[in-house]
Amino acid sequence: MESSGFFLICMLHSVVALSCGAMMMFYTKEVFVFSHGNEIASKLVGSTPHDQLLIRTSDSFSGLLLFAIGFLLLMVAFVKDREFQSFFAKGCVLLHVAMAIWRVYFERKLEELGHDYLRQVVGDIVLGLSWVLFLVYSWREKYD
């Protein structure tokens, strides 16, 4: 038995991860300018050519990882086992909570990114809540 909510949530998260990963790999500077502004974007790309190369390489690998996660979510969306869906949703909730905690404790201390962390924490919480709502919905279906 499958839940259509699981499929929809996985597809939504997959589209977000695939598009963000692709943008991180190929349009890093434009994403920095769009999300942080010109002044901070110029600081985030590095000051020396060596720093710029390291940062571009790091961002490309981060984008590739996010793209792979999106592809994994796309594959997981078609799993029909309810127990696996519940297990996977709980893991995703923990992942989003861990990301929010990391942003609060570490990212806010960074001079250039400190003002942006609250928006990203809210995004992590919203993405985690989508999985919590799925768990509540599936629990209700199970016991009704």
C-alpha atoms as a PDB file:
ATOM      1  CA  MET A   1       0.000   0.000   0.000  1.00  0.00           C
ATOM      2  CA  GLU A   2       1.351   3.422  -0.900  1.00  0.00           C
ATOM      3  CA  SER A   3       0.726   6.962   0.190  1.00  0.00           C
ATOM      4  CA  SER A   4       0.256   9.637  -2.456  1.00  0.00           C
ATOM      5  CA  GLY A   5       1.539  12.202   0.052  1.00  0.00           C
ATOM      6  CA  PHE A   6       4.916  10.483   0.158  1.00  0.00           C
ATOM      7  CA  PHE A   7       5.188  10.576  -3.616  1.00  0.00           C
ATOM      8  CA  LEU A   8       4.266  14.267  -3.758  1.00  0.00           C
ATOM      9  CA  ILE A   9       6.637  15.292  -0.970  1.00  0.00           C
ATOM     10  CA  CYS A  10       9.504  13.299  -2.475  1.00  0.00           C
ATOM     11  CA  MET A  11       8.893  14.810  -5.896  1.00  0.00           C
ATOM     12  CA  LEU A  12       8.722  18.334  -4.471  1.00  0.00           C
ATOM     13  CA  HIS A  13      11.948  17.887  -2.507  1.00  0.00           C
ATOM     14  CA  SER A  14      13.544  16.211  -5.526  1.00  0.00           C
ATOM     15  CA  VAL A  15      12.743  19.120  -7.840  1.00  0.00           C
ATOM     16  CA  VAL A  16      14.116  21.588  -5.288  1.00  0.00           C
ATOM     17  CA  ALA A  17      17.310  19.577  -4.760  1.00  0.00           C
ATOM     18  CA  LEU A  18      17.871  18.943  -8.489  1.00  0.00           C
ATOM     19  CA  SER A  19      17.373  22.579  -9.465  1.00  0.00           C
ATOM     20  CA  CYS A  20      19.443  23.983  -6.576  1.00  0.00           C
ATOM     21  CA  GLY A  21      22.211  21.453  -7.219  1.00  0.00           C
ATOM     22  CA  ALA A  22      22.348  22.304 -10.912  1.00  0.00           C
ATOM     23  CA  MET A  23      22.408  26.021 -10.149  1.00  0.00           C
ATOM     24  CA  MET A  24      25.202  25.517  -7.601  1.00  0.00           C
ATOM     25  CA  MET A  25      27.286  23.620 -10.145  1.00  0.00           C
ATOM     26  CA  PHE A  26      26.853  25.916 -13.118  1.00  0.00           C
ATOM     27  CA  TYR A  27      25.648  29.343 -11.893  1.00  0.00           C
ATOM     28  CA  THR A  28      27.399  29.789  -8.542  1.00  0.00           C
ATOM     29  CA  LYS A  29      28.214  33.482  -8.894  1.00  0.00           C
ATOM     30  CA  GLU A  30      24.712  34.367 -10.093  1.00  0.00           C
ATOM     31  CA  VAL A  31      23.158  32.469  -7.183  1.00  0.00           C
ATOM     32  CA  PHE A  32      25.434  34.299  -4.729  1.00  0.00           C
ATOM     33  CA  VAL A  33      24.488  37.675  -6.220  1.00  0.00           C
ATOM     34  CA  PHE A  34      20.777  36.828  -6.182  1.00  0.00           C
ATOM     35  CA  SER A  35      20.767  35.524  -2.616  1.00  0.00           C
ATOM     36  CA  HIS A  36      23.349  37.757  -0.915  1.00  0.00           C
ATOM     37  CA  GLY A  37      23.849  40.849  -3.072  1.00  0.00           C
ATOM     38  CA  ASN A  38      26.860  42.069  -5.074  1.00  0.00           C
ATOM     39  CA  GLU A  39      29.066  43.122  -2.171  1.00  0.00           C
ATOM     40  CA  ILE A  40      28.853  39.871  -0.195  1.00  0.00           C
ATOM     41  CA  ALA A  41      28.944  37.767  -3.381  1.00  0.00           C
ATOM     42  CA  SER A  42      32.294  39.279  -4.317  1.00  0.00           C
ATOM     43  CA  LYS A  43      33.655  38.338  -0.876  1.00  0.00           C
ATOM     44  CA  LEU A  44      32.267  34.795  -1.076  1.00  0.00           C
ATOM     45  CA  VAL A  45      34.070  33.955  -4.324  1.00  0.00           C
ATOM     46  CA  GLY A  46      37.517  34.606  -2.833  1.00  0.00           C
ATOM     47  CA  SER A  47      40.229  37.209  -3.291  1.00  0.00           C
ATOM     48  CA  THR A  48      43.073  35.295  -4.948  1.00  0.00           C
ATOM     49  CA  PRO A  49      42.855  33.064  -8.028  1.00  0.00           C
ATOM     50  CA  HIS A  50      43.788  30.044  -5.906  1.00  0.00           C
ATOM     51  CA  ASP A  51      41.013  30.799  -3.393  1.00  0.00           C
ATOM     52  CA  GLN A  52      38.534  31.303  -6.208  1.00  0.00           C
ATOM     53  CA  LEU A  53      39.430  27.956  -7.748  1.00  0.00           C
ATOM     54  CA  LEU A  54      39.070  26.159  -4.407  1.00  0.00           C
ATOM     55  CA  ILE A  55      35.729  27.814  -3.686  1.00  0.00           C
ATOM     56  CA  ARG A  56      34.370  27.093  -7.187  1.00  0.00           C
ATOM     57  CA  THR A  57      35.468  23.462  -6.901  1.00  0.00           C
ATOM     58  CA  SER A  58      33.904  23.138  -3.453  1.00  0.00           C
ATOM     59  CA  ASP A  59      30.634  24.700  -4.620  1.00  0.00           C
ATOM     60  CA  SER A  60      30.552  22.443  -7.673  1.00  0.00           C
ATOM     61  CA  PHE A  61      30.983  19.328  -5.545  1.00  0.00           C
ATOM     62  CA  SER A  62      28.338  20.569  -3.109  1.00  0.00           C
ATOM     63  CA  GLY A  63      25.988  21.115  -6.033  1.00  0.00           C
ATOM     64  CA  LEU A  64      26.775  17.659  -7.375  1.00  0.00           C
ATOM     65  CA  LEU A  65      25.976  16.155  -3.973  1.00  0.00           C
ATOM     66  CA  LEU A  66      22.690  18.057  -3.814  1.00  0.00           C
ATOM     67  CA  PHE A  67      21.879  16.931  -7.363  1.00  0.00           C
ATOM     68  CA  ALA A  68      22.578  13.310  -6.350  1.00  0.00           C
ATOM     69  CA  ILE A  69      20.300  13.699  -3.325  1.00  0.00           C
ATOM     70  CA  GLY A  70      17.568  15.012  -5.622  1.00  0.00           C
ATOM     71  CA  PHE A  71      18.014  12.022  -7.903  1.00  0.00           C
ATOM     72  CA  LEU A  72      17.862   9.695  -4.879  1.00  0.00           C
ATOM     73  CA  LEU A  73      14.627  11.346  -3.753  1.00  0.00           C
ATOM     74  CA  LEU A  74      13.243  10.866  -7.246  1.00  0.00           C
ATOM     75  CA  MET A  75      13.971   7.137  -7.040  1.00  0.00           C
ATOM     76  CA  VAL A  76      12.661   6.804  -3.463  1.00  0.00           C
ATOM     77  CA  ALA A  77       9.374   8.469  -4.468  1.00  0.00           C
ATOM     78  CA  PHE A  78       8.345   5.259  -6.238  1.00  0.00           C
ATOM     79  CA  VAL A  79       8.836   2.940  -3.219  1.00  0.00           C
ATOM     80  CA  LYS A  80       5.471   1.570  -2.114  1.00  0.00           C
ATOM     81  CA  ASP A  81       6.399   0.051   1.268  1.00  0.00           C
ATOM     82  CA  ARG A  82       4.724   2.001   4.089  1.00  0.00           C
ATOM     83  CA  GLU A  83       7.277   1.024   6.705  1.00  0.00           C
ATOM     84  CA  PHE A  84      10.113   2.260   4.505  1.00  0.00           C
ATOM     85  CA  GLN A  85       8.228   5.487   3.785  1.00  0.00           C
ATOM     86  CA  SER A  86       7.807   6.112   7.502  1.00  0.00           C
ATOM     87  CA  PHE A  87      11.460   5.297   8.202  1.00  0.00           C
ATOM     88  CA  PHE A  88      12.634   7.544   5.379  1.00  0.00           C
ATOM     89  CA  ALA A  89      10.408  10.431   6.501  1.00  0.00           C
ATOM     90  CA  LYS A  90      11.752  10.201  10.064  1.00  0.00           C
ATOM     91  CA  GLY A  91      15.304  10.315   8.720  1.00  0.00           C
ATOM     92  CA  CYS A  92      14.496  13.372   6.617  1.00  0.00           C
ATOM     93  CA  VAL A  93      13.002  15.146   9.645  1.00  0.00           C
ATOM     94  CA  LEU A  94      16.195  14.457  11.603  1.00  0.00           C
ATOM     95  CA  LEU A  95      18.311  15.701   8.704  1.00  0.00           C
ATOM     96  CA  HIS A  96      16.401  18.982   8.437  1.00  0.00           C
ATOM     97  CA  VAL A  97      16.519  19.518  12.205  1.00  0.00           C
ATOM     98  CA  ALA A  98      20.277  18.874  12.177  1.00  0.00           C
ATOM     99  CA  MET A  99      20.725  21.389   9.355  1.00  0.00           C
ATOM    100  CA  ALA A 100      18.709  24.018  11.248  1.00  0.00           C
ATOM    101  CA  ILE A 101      20.779  23.444  14.393  1.00  0.00           C
ATOM    102  CA  TRP A 102      24.010  23.681  12.396  1.00  0.00           C
ATOM    103  CA  ARG A 103      22.887  26.965  10.866  1.00  0.00           C
ATOM    104  CA  VAL A 104      21.956  28.426  14.272  1.00  0.00           C
ATOM    105  CA  TYR A 105      25.148  27.410  16.033  1.00  0.00           C
ATOM    106  CA  PHE A 106      27.757  27.807  13.299  1.00  0.00           C
ATOM    107  CA  GLU A 107      26.584  29.666  10.212  1.00  0.00           C
ATOM    108  CA  ARG A 108      25.266  32.676  12.115  1.00  0.00           C
ATOM    109  CA  LYS A 109      28.768  33.259  13.500  1.00  0.00           C
ATOM    110  CA  LEU A 110      30.163  33.825  10.005  1.00  0.00           C
ATOM    111  CA  GLU A 111      30.514  37.509   9.332  1.00  0.00           C
ATOM    112  CA  GLU A 112      29.318  37.410   5.734  1.00  0.00           C
ATOM    113  CA  LEU A 113      26.496  34.884   6.127  1.00  0.00           C
ATOM    114  CA  GLY A 114      25.320  35.744   9.631  1.00  0.00           C
ATOM    115  CA  HIS A 115      22.420  37.922   8.540  1.00  0.00           C
ATOM    116  CA  ASP A 116      21.051  35.222   6.235  1.00  0.00           C
ATOM    117  CA  TYR A 117      20.881  32.276   8.603  1.00  0.00           C
ATOM    118  CA  LEU A 118      17.371  32.958   9.947  1.00  0.00           C
ATOM    119  CA  ARG A 119      15.792  32.710   6.489  1.00  0.00           C
ATOM    120  CA  GLN A 120      17.584  29.423   5.870  1.00  0.00           C
ATOM    121  CA  VAL A 121      16.599  28.039   9.296  1.00  0.00           C
ATOM    122  CA  VAL A 122      12.960  28.798   8.510  1.00  0.00           C
ATOM    123  CA  GLY A 123      13.371  26.984   5.186  1.00  0.00           C
ATOM    124  CA  ASP A 124      14.868  23.947   6.922  1.00  0.00           C
ATOM    125  CA  ILE A 125      12.012  23.897   9.426  1.00  0.00           C
ATOM    126  CA  VAL A 126       9.372  24.172   6.685  1.00  0.00           C
ATOM    127  CA  LEU A 127      10.964  21.323   4.725  1.00  0.00           C
ATOM    128  CA  GLY A 128      11.131  19.228   7.901  1.00  0.00           C
ATOM    129  CA  LEU A 129       7.500  20.029   8.703  1.00  0.00           C
ATOM    130  CA  SER A 130       6.406  18.671   5.338  1.00  0.00           C
ATOM    131  CA  TRP A 131       7.768  15.283   6.419  1.00  0.00           C
ATOM    132  CA  VAL A 132       6.183  15.619   9.871  1.00  0.00           C
ATOM    133  CA  LEU A 133       2.813  16.293   8.243  1.00  0.00           C
ATOM    134  CA  PHE A 134       3.290  13.178   6.129  1.00  0.00           C
ATOM    135  CA  LEU A 135       4.033  11.139   9.270  1.00  0.00           C
ATOM    136  CA  VAL A 136       0.932  12.495  11.016  1.00  0.00           C
ATOM    137  CA  TYR A 137      -1.201  11.803   7.941  1.00  0.00           C
ATOM    138  CA  SER A 138       0.141   8.249   7.565  1.00  0.00           C
ATOM    139  CA  TRP A 139      -0.326   7.601  11.304  1.00  0.00           C
ATOM    140  CA  ARG A 140      -3.927   8.767  11.009  1.00  0.00           C
ATOM    141  CA  GLU A 141      -4.495   6.489   7.997  1.00  0.00           C
ATOM    142  CA  LYS A 142      -2.954   3.563   9.829  1.00  0.00           C
ATOM    143  CA  TYR A 143      -5.094   3.854  12.955  1.00  0.00           C
ATOM    144  CA  ASP A 144      -8.419   4.958  11.432  1.00  0.00           C
END
